[in-house]
Protein backbone atom coordinates (compact mmCIF):
# COMPACT_ATOMS: atom_id res chain seq x y z
CA MET A 1 -0.02 0.18 0.12
CA THR A 2 1.79 3.12 -1.46
CA VAL A 3 1.56 6.53 -0.52
CA ILE A 4 4.14 8.84 -2.02
CA VAL A 5 4.36 12.84 -1.81
CA THR A 6 6.71 14.00 -4.47
CA GLU A 7 8.33 16.78 -6.75
CA ASP A 8 8.88 14.00 -9.58
CA ASP A 9 6.56 13.23 -12.14
CA PHE A 10 5.15 9.35 -12.11
CA ASP A 11 4.58 6.95 -14.42
CA LEU A 12 1.16 5.37 -14.45
CA SER A 13 2.04 2.25 -15.97
CA ASP A 14 4.38 1.58 -13.14
CA LEU A 15 1.62 2.48 -10.55
CA TYR A 16 -0.82 0.18 -12.67
CA ALA A 17 1.78 -2.79 -12.73
CA LYS A 18 1.98 -2.57 -8.87
CA LEU A 19 -1.62 -2.55 -8.33
CA ARG A 20 -2.24 -5.66 -10.32
CA THR A 21 0.64 -7.27 -8.15
CA PRO A 22 -1.35 -7.60 -5.07
CA ASP A 23 -0.25 -6.75 -1.62
CA LEU A 24 -2.96 -8.73 0.07
CA PRO A 25 -4.37 -11.80 -1.44
CA PRO A 26 -6.71 -12.59 -3.78
CA SER A 27 -5.30 -11.18 -7.07
CA PRO A 28 -7.44 -8.36 -7.97
CA GLY A 29 -10.16 -8.69 -10.48
CA ALA A 30 -10.30 -4.71 -10.81
CA VAL A 31 -8.18 -1.82 -10.99
CA THR A 32 -9.22 2.02 -10.84
CA VAL A 33 -6.78 4.53 -11.52
CA PHE A 34 -7.58 8.27 -11.28
CA VAL A 35 -5.02 10.89 -12.72
CA GLY A 36 -5.61 14.55 -11.99
CA LEU A 37 -3.97 17.18 -14.10
CA VAL A 38 -3.15 20.72 -13.62
CA ARG A 39 -6.06 22.73 -15.34
CA GLU A 40 -5.00 25.38 -18.09
CA MET A 41 -8.02 27.52 -17.02
CA ASN A 42 -9.54 28.33 -13.81
CA ASN A 43 -12.24 30.75 -13.32
CA ASP A 44 -11.84 31.92 -17.15
CA ARG A 45 -8.52 32.66 -16.42
CA PRO A 46 -5.65 30.95 -18.21
CA ILE A 47 -3.33 29.09 -15.48
CA THR A 48 0.73 29.57 -16.19
CA SER A 49 1.57 27.18 -13.47
CA MET A 50 0.62 25.95 -10.01
CA THR A 51 2.61 25.76 -6.88
CA LEU A 52 1.92 22.91 -4.50
CA GLU A 53 3.12 23.32 -0.39
CA HIS A 54 2.74 20.85 2.14
CA TYR A 55 4.38 19.97 5.74
CA PRO A 56 6.56 16.79 5.20
CA GLY A 57 5.73 13.95 7.38
CA MET A 58 2.40 15.33 8.29
CA THR A 59 0.81 15.39 4.62
CA GLU A 60 2.01 11.39 4.57
CA LYS A 61 0.62 10.89 7.97
CA LYS A 62 -2.63 12.04 6.56
CA LEU A 63 -2.62 10.16 3.34
CA GLU A 64 -1.68 6.85 5.09
CA ALA A 65 -4.71 7.51 7.29
CA ILE A 66 -7.06 8.20 4.28
CA ARG A 67 -5.44 4.91 2.85
CA ASP A 68 -6.07 3.14 5.78
CA GLN A 69 -10.05 4.14 6.13
CA ALA A 70 -10.37 2.96 2.73
CA MET A 71 -8.47 -0.21 3.16
CA HIS A 72 -10.90 -0.69 6.49
CA ARG A 73 -14.23 -0.10 4.19
CA TRP A 74 -13.54 -1.96 1.15
CA PRO A 75 -11.97 -5.50 0.56
CA LEU A 76 -8.76 -4.12 -1.15
CA THR A 77 -5.81 -6.10 -2.29
CA GLY A 78 -3.76 -2.62 -3.09
CA VAL A 79 -3.94 0.86 -2.66
CA ILE A 80 -1.51 3.42 -4.32
CA ILE A 81 -1.68 7.75 -3.59
CA VAL A 82 1.04 9.74 -5.39
CA HIS A 83 0.48 13.55 -5.07
CA ARG A 84 3.24 15.92 -6.25
CA VAL A 85 4.48 19.01 -5.05
CA GLY A 86 6.24 22.22 -6.07
CA LYS A 87 6.03 23.87 -9.34
CA LEU A 88 3.87 22.43 -11.75
CA GLY A 89 2.59 23.43 -15.27
CA PRO A 90 -0.73 23.08 -17.31
CA ASN A 91 -1.70 19.26 -18.05
CA ASP A 92 1.14 18.03 -15.72
CA GLN A 93 -0.03 15.35 -13.64
CA ILE A 94 -0.61 16.24 -9.76
CA VAL A 95 -2.24 13.18 -8.13
CA ALA A 96 -2.87 9.37 -8.84
CA VAL A 97 -5.01 7.41 -6.79
CA GLY A 98 -5.57 3.53 -7.40
CA ALA A 99 -7.58 0.85 -6.01
CA ALA A 100 -7.49 -2.72 -6.77
CA SER A 101 -9.96 -5.64 -5.33
CA ALA A 102 -11.50 -8.51 -6.36
CA HIS A 103 -14.59 -6.69 -7.81
CA ARG A 104 -14.71 -3.56 -9.74
CA GLN A 105 -17.38 -1.76 -7.33
CA ALA A 106 -15.15 -1.70 -4.23
CA SER A 107 -12.43 -0.39 -6.36
CA PHE A 108 -14.32 2.39 -8.16
CA ASP A 109 -15.60 3.40 -4.34
CA ALA A 110 -12.76 3.33 -2.85
CA ALA A 111 -11.02 5.66 -5.48
CA ASN A 112 -13.60 7.89 -5.20
CA PHE A 113 -13.66 8.03 -1.29
CA ILE A 114 -9.78 8.36 -1.55
CA MET A 115 -10.19 11.31 -3.66
CA ASP A 116 -12.88 12.98 -1.71
CA PHE A 117 -11.01 12.86 1.42
CA LEU A 118 -7.78 13.76 -0.17
CA LYS A 119 -9.45 17.01 -1.47
CA THR A 120 -10.69 17.79 1.76
CA GLU A 121 -8.74 16.57 4.21
CA ALA A 122 -4.96 16.30 3.30
CA PRO A 123 -2.63 19.29 4.06
CA PHE A 124 -1.64 20.72 0.55
CA TRP A 125 -1.52 24.41 -0.09
CA LYS A 126 -2.42 25.47 -3.70
CA SER A 127 -1.36 28.61 -5.48
CA GLU A 128 -2.31 29.40 -8.80
CA ASN A 129 -0.25 31.58 -11.12
CA THR A 130 -1.90 33.50 -13.70
CA SER A 131 -0.95 36.28 -15.84
CA ASP A 132 -2.89 38.60 -13.07
CA GLY A 133 -0.47 37.13 -10.37
CA ALA A 134 -0.70 34.50 -7.75
CA ASN A 135 -3.96 33.35 -5.96
CA TRP A 136 -4.34 30.51 -3.20
CA VAL A 137 -6.88 28.27 -4.15
CA SER A 138 -9.64 28.08 -1.35
CA ALA A 139 -11.47 24.81 -0.66
CA ARG A 140 -14.77 24.25 -2.70
CA GLU A 141 -18.18 23.71 -1.42
CA THR A 142 -18.66 20.83 -3.76
CA ASP A 143 -15.56 18.88 -2.49
CA ASN A 144 -17.06 19.09 1.02
CA LYS A 145 -20.35 17.89 -0.46
CA ALA A 146 -18.62 14.94 -2.13
CA LYS A 147 -16.87 13.96 1.29
CA ARG A 148 -20.23 13.97 2.92
CA ARG A 149 -21.85 11.48 1.20
CA TRP A 150 -19.45 8.73 2.66
């Protein structure tokens, strides 16, 4: 069960291969992977870059707790959470969440759960850089609403 916070880009095929090799038996019958990208636009303004900050140690601990909650709720054979920090450009990969299980619904639900909790509870601070300057990204009510469904 992998949790990584890094400035480096990630290889999706490597993450998928790790999910196909189970940490826990049985072998997975389903793998769900979500990859989030840095948007080119937000609120009708072009984004030139995004900078993500975090507290090392604290961030990983929170992501591990989210992973553990998912593992407790669904019969998963593997989980991967990768979140990038530092300066990223439009269309750069920013986050990957993967869940593997014997059946598809558990992997879909777990991946959604992890993303909803990551968006609302993980200690990341995002600044979008535009031609008008930098703006801190505020939490969105839609993210809180999505989390409440769990």
